[in-house]
Amino acid sequence: MSASIVPLTDTPVAPVQPARLPLRAPDTPLGRARLARGWSQHKVVRALVLLAGHWGWEIAAESSLKVQVSRWENGAVHPGPSYQVLLCAVLRATPDDLGFTRATGTAALADRVASLETLVDRLAAQLKGVAA
């Protein structure tokens, strides 16, 4: 006996599938690279797991990686060297494309402080011009 599929309605026309929500990502190099490939964070995680397994590398569990990918994309933390290699491979991007070669740590902080000092100086000069 073969199984048959019974429709839920008597209408012969299939219903229209609801539109899928568009993919979203933070406006960061890693987020933009993921969107450029049309991948969800879940797909990135699966690709990381599969590639790491193929290479024989040990990485975090999928549930942990989902959280990490989100944190990496939002700039809360930077991926370690192993994950940078994996991300470059699965997203087919260079470290520079993914924002991994930018200044980090104290160099980045010093750049931000210098930018803020320049801004304060410029605003102070504008205020002097208005007050005069």
C-alpha atoms as a PDB file:
ATOM      1  CA  MET A   1       0.000   0.000   0.000  1.00  0.00           C
ATOM      2  CA  SER A   2       1.403   3.413  -0.911  1.00  0.00           C
ATOM      3  CA  ALA A   3       1.011   6.498   1.216  1.00  0.00           C
ATOM      4  CA  SER A   4      -0.875   9.424  -0.217  1.00  0.00           C
ATOM      5  CA  ILE A   5      -0.744  13.072   0.640  1.00  0.00           C
ATOM      6  CA  VAL A   6      -4.062  14.526   1.689  1.00  0.00           C
ATOM      7  CA  PRO A   7      -4.443  18.297   1.207  1.00  0.00           C
ATOM      8  CA  LEU A   8      -5.681  20.325   4.151  1.00  0.00           C
ATOM      9  CA  THR A   9      -8.152  22.184   1.934  1.00  0.00           C
ATOM     10  CA  ASP A  10     -10.349  21.307  -0.998  1.00  0.00           C
ATOM     11  CA  THR A  11      -8.918  24.079  -3.171  1.00  0.00           C
ATOM     12  CA  PRO A  12      -6.637  22.781  -5.924  1.00  0.00           C
ATOM     13  CA  VAL A  13      -4.356  25.824  -5.783  1.00  0.00           C
ATOM     14  CA  ALA A  14      -1.505  25.834  -3.283  1.00  0.00           C
ATOM     15  CA  PRO A  15      -1.494  28.752  -0.872  1.00  0.00           C
ATOM     16  CA  VAL A  16       1.079  31.497  -1.309  1.00  0.00           C
ATOM     17  CA  GLN A  17       4.041  31.068   1.000  1.00  0.00           C
ATOM     18  CA  PRO A  18       4.545  34.038   3.346  1.00  0.00           C
ATOM     19  CA  ALA A  19       7.490  36.241   2.486  1.00  0.00           C
ATOM     20  CA  ARG A  20      10.704  35.454   4.320  1.00  0.00           C
ATOM     21  CA  LEU A  21      12.147  38.136   6.520  1.00  0.00           C
ATOM     22  CA  PRO A  22      15.180  39.787   4.932  1.00  0.00           C
ATOM     23  CA  LEU A  23      18.574  38.948   6.345  1.00  0.00           C
ATOM     24  CA  ARG A  24      20.007  41.581   8.651  1.00  0.00           C
ATOM     25  CA  ALA A  25      23.442  42.205  10.067  1.00  0.00           C
ATOM     26  CA  PRO A  26      25.295  44.971  11.867  1.00  0.00           C
ATOM     27  CA  ASP A  27      27.092  47.441   9.616  1.00  0.00           C
ATOM     28  CA  THR A  28      30.493  45.900  10.285  1.00  0.00           C
ATOM     29  CA  PRO A  29      32.902  44.244   7.849  1.00  0.00           C
ATOM     30  CA  LEU A  30      31.988  40.781   9.141  1.00  0.00           C
ATOM     31  CA  GLY A  31      28.251  41.503   9.024  1.00  0.00           C
ATOM     32  CA  ARG A  32      28.471  42.938   5.503  1.00  0.00           C
ATOM     33  CA  ALA A  33      30.487  39.923   4.292  1.00  0.00           C
ATOM     34  CA  ARG A  34      27.852  37.544   5.630  1.00  0.00           C
ATOM     35  CA  LEU A  35      25.045  39.459   3.951  1.00  0.00           C
ATOM     36  CA  ALA A  36      26.997  39.621   0.682  1.00  0.00           C
ATOM     37  CA  ARG A  37      26.935  35.805   0.623  1.00  0.00           C
ATOM     38  CA  GLY A  38      23.247  35.775   1.524  1.00  0.00           C
ATOM     39  CA  TRP A  39      23.911  33.726   4.651  1.00  0.00           C
ATOM     40  CA  SER A  40      22.201  33.707   8.012  1.00  0.00           C
ATOM     41  CA  GLN A  41      24.272  33.500  11.173  1.00  0.00           C
ATOM     42  CA  HIS A  42      23.104  29.899  11.485  1.00  0.00           C
ATOM     43  CA  LYS A  43      24.572  29.088   8.075  1.00  0.00           C
ATOM     44  CA  VAL A  44      27.898  30.691   9.061  1.00  0.00           C
ATOM     45  CA  VAL A  45      27.947  28.579  12.228  1.00  0.00           C
ATOM     46  CA  ARG A  46      27.234  25.377  10.268  1.00  0.00           C
ATOM     47  CA  ALA A  47      29.968  26.241   7.767  1.00  0.00           C
ATOM     48  CA  LEU A  48      32.452  26.884  10.588  1.00  0.00           C
ATOM     49  CA  VAL A  49      31.603  23.552  12.219  1.00  0.00           C
ATOM     50  CA  LEU A  50      31.847  21.620   8.958  1.00  0.00           C
ATOM     51  CA  LEU A  51      35.131  23.206   7.867  1.00  0.00           C
ATOM     52  CA  ALA A  52      36.717  22.827  11.304  1.00  0.00           C
ATOM     53  CA  GLY A  53      35.655  19.181  11.334  1.00  0.00           C
ATOM     54  CA  HIS A  54      37.102  18.665   7.864  1.00  0.00           C
ATOM     55  CA  TRP A  55      40.393  20.201   8.964  1.00  0.00           C
ATOM     56  CA  GLY A  56      40.387  18.294  12.256  1.00  0.00           C
ATOM     57  CA  TRP A  57      40.254  21.492  14.310  1.00  0.00           C
ATOM     58  CA  GLU A  58      38.465  21.639  17.655  1.00  0.00           C
ATOM     59  CA  ILE A  59      36.091  24.563  18.028  1.00  0.00           C
ATOM     60  CA  ALA A  60      33.165  25.518  20.241  1.00  0.00           C
ATOM     61  CA  ALA A  61      29.765  23.855  20.037  1.00  0.00           C
ATOM     62  CA  GLU A  62      27.189  25.260  17.632  1.00  0.00           C
ATOM     63  CA  SER A  63      25.146  26.879  20.405  1.00  0.00           C
ATOM     64  CA  SER A  64      28.220  28.738  21.670  1.00  0.00           C
ATOM     65  CA  LEU A  65      29.310  29.678  18.154  1.00  0.00           C
ATOM     66  CA  LYS A  66      25.923  31.277  17.450  1.00  0.00           C
ATOM     67  CA  VAL A  67      26.486  33.637  20.365  1.00  0.00           C
ATOM     68  CA  GLN A  68      30.107  34.253  19.340  1.00  0.00           C
ATOM     69  CA  VAL A  69      29.226  35.062  15.713  1.00  0.00           C
ATOM     70  CA  SER A  70      26.751  37.652  16.945  1.00  0.00           C
ATOM     71  CA  ARG A  71      29.327  39.167  19.310  1.00  0.00           C
ATOM     72  CA  TRP A  72      31.977  39.209  16.551  1.00  0.00           C
ATOM     73  CA  GLU A  73      29.606  40.887  14.112  1.00  0.00           C
ATOM     74  CA  ASN A  74      28.605  43.511  16.672  1.00  0.00           C
ATOM     75  CA  GLY A  75      32.241  44.250  17.516  1.00  0.00           C
ATOM     76  CA  ALA A  76      31.855  43.277  21.167  1.00  0.00           C
ATOM     77  CA  VAL A  77      34.845  40.942  20.861  1.00  0.00           C
ATOM     78  CA  HIS A  78      37.258  39.948  18.119  1.00  0.00           C
ATOM     79  CA  PRO A  79      37.552  36.355  16.952  1.00  0.00           C
ATOM     80  CA  GLY A  80      40.761  34.562  17.874  1.00  0.00           C
ATOM     81  CA  PRO A  81      43.306  33.545  15.235  1.00  0.00           C
ATOM     82  CA  SER A  82      41.768  30.112  14.549  1.00  0.00           C
ATOM     83  CA  TYR A  83      38.311  31.571  14.056  1.00  0.00           C
ATOM     84  CA  GLN A  84      39.704  34.340  11.851  1.00  0.00           C
ATOM     85  CA  VAL A  85      41.200  31.699   9.526  1.00  0.00           C
ATOM     86  CA  LEU A  86      37.932  29.759   9.502  1.00  0.00           C
ATOM     87  CA  LEU A  87      35.808  32.862   8.893  1.00  0.00           C
ATOM     88  CA  CYS A  88      38.048  33.985   6.022  1.00  0.00           C
ATOM     89  CA  ALA A  89      37.745  30.544   4.461  1.00  0.00           C
ATOM     90  CA  VAL A  90      33.976  30.102   4.791  1.00  0.00           C
ATOM     91  CA  LEU A  91      33.165  33.678   3.757  1.00  0.00           C
ATOM     92  CA  ARG A  92      35.850  33.628   1.036  1.00  0.00           C
ATOM     93  CA  ALA A  93      37.272  36.913   2.227  1.00  0.00           C
ATOM     94  CA  THR A  94      40.617  38.316   3.298  1.00  0.00           C
ATOM     95  CA  PRO A  95      41.402  39.317   6.893  1.00  0.00           C
ATOM     96  CA  ASP A  96      41.257  42.952   5.767  1.00  0.00           C
ATOM     97  CA  ASP A  97      37.813  42.387   4.176  1.00  0.00           C
ATOM     98  CA  LEU A  98      36.510  41.122   7.510  1.00  0.00           C
ATOM     99  CA  GLY A  99      38.115  43.895   9.567  1.00  0.00           C
ATOM    100  CA  PHE A 100      40.682  41.656  11.256  1.00  0.00           C
ATOM    101  CA  THR A 101      43.733  43.744  10.314  1.00  0.00           C
ATOM    102  CA  ARG A 102      42.568  47.015  11.820  1.00  0.00           C
ATOM    103  CA  ALA A 103      44.300  48.495  14.810  1.00  0.00           C
ATOM    104  CA  THR A 104      43.185  46.862  18.018  1.00  0.00           C
ATOM    105  CA  GLY A 105      43.797  47.288  21.711  1.00  0.00           C
ATOM    106  CA  THR A 106      45.778  50.305  22.880  1.00  0.00           C
ATOM    107  CA  ALA A 107      46.548  51.482  19.334  1.00  0.00           C
ATOM    108  CA  ALA A 108      42.835  51.712  18.497  1.00  0.00           C
ATOM    109  CA  LEU A 109      42.116  53.445  21.801  1.00  0.00           C
ATOM    110  CA  ALA A 110      44.909  55.968  21.190  1.00  0.00           C
ATOM    111  CA  ASP A 111      43.476  56.705  17.729  1.00  0.00           C
ATOM    112  CA  ARG A 112      40.009  57.251  19.200  1.00  0.00           C
ATOM    113  CA  VAL A 113      41.365  59.551  21.922  1.00  0.00           C
ATOM    114  CA  ALA A 114      43.301  61.567  19.332  1.00  0.00           C
ATOM    115  CA  SER A 115      40.161  61.889  17.195  1.00  0.00           C
ATOM    116  CA  LEU A 116      38.153  63.074  20.185  1.00  0.00           C
ATOM    117  CA  GLU A 117      40.832  65.616  21.132  1.00  0.00           C
ATOM    118  CA  THR A 118      40.788  66.982  17.579  1.00  0.00           C
ATOM    119  CA  LEU A 119      37.006  67.246  17.698  1.00  0.00           C
ATOM    120  CA  VAL A 120      37.094  69.078  21.036  1.00  0.00           C
ATOM    121  CA  ASP A 121      39.694  71.529  19.683  1.00  0.00           C
ATOM    122  CA  ARG A 122      37.580  72.184  16.593  1.00  0.00           C
ATOM    123  CA  LEU A 123      34.421  72.736  18.655  1.00  0.00           C
ATOM    124  CA  ALA A 124      36.265  75.064  21.036  1.00  0.00           C
ATOM    125  CA  ALA A 125      37.490  77.133  18.069  1.00  0.00           C
ATOM    126  CA  GLN A 126      33.925  77.341  16.691  1.00  0.00           C
ATOM    127  CA  LEU A 127      32.600  78.451  20.083  1.00  0.00           C
ATOM    128  CA  LYS A 128      35.221  81.215  20.266  1.00  0.00           C
ATOM    129  CA  GLY A 129      34.118  82.413  16.836  1.00  0.00           C
ATOM    130  CA  VAL A 130      30.453  82.496  17.885  1.00  0.00           C
ATOM    131  CA  ALA A 131      31.199  84.264  21.189  1.00  0.00           C
ATOM    132  CA  ALA A 132      33.275  86.978  19.495  1.00  0.00           C
END
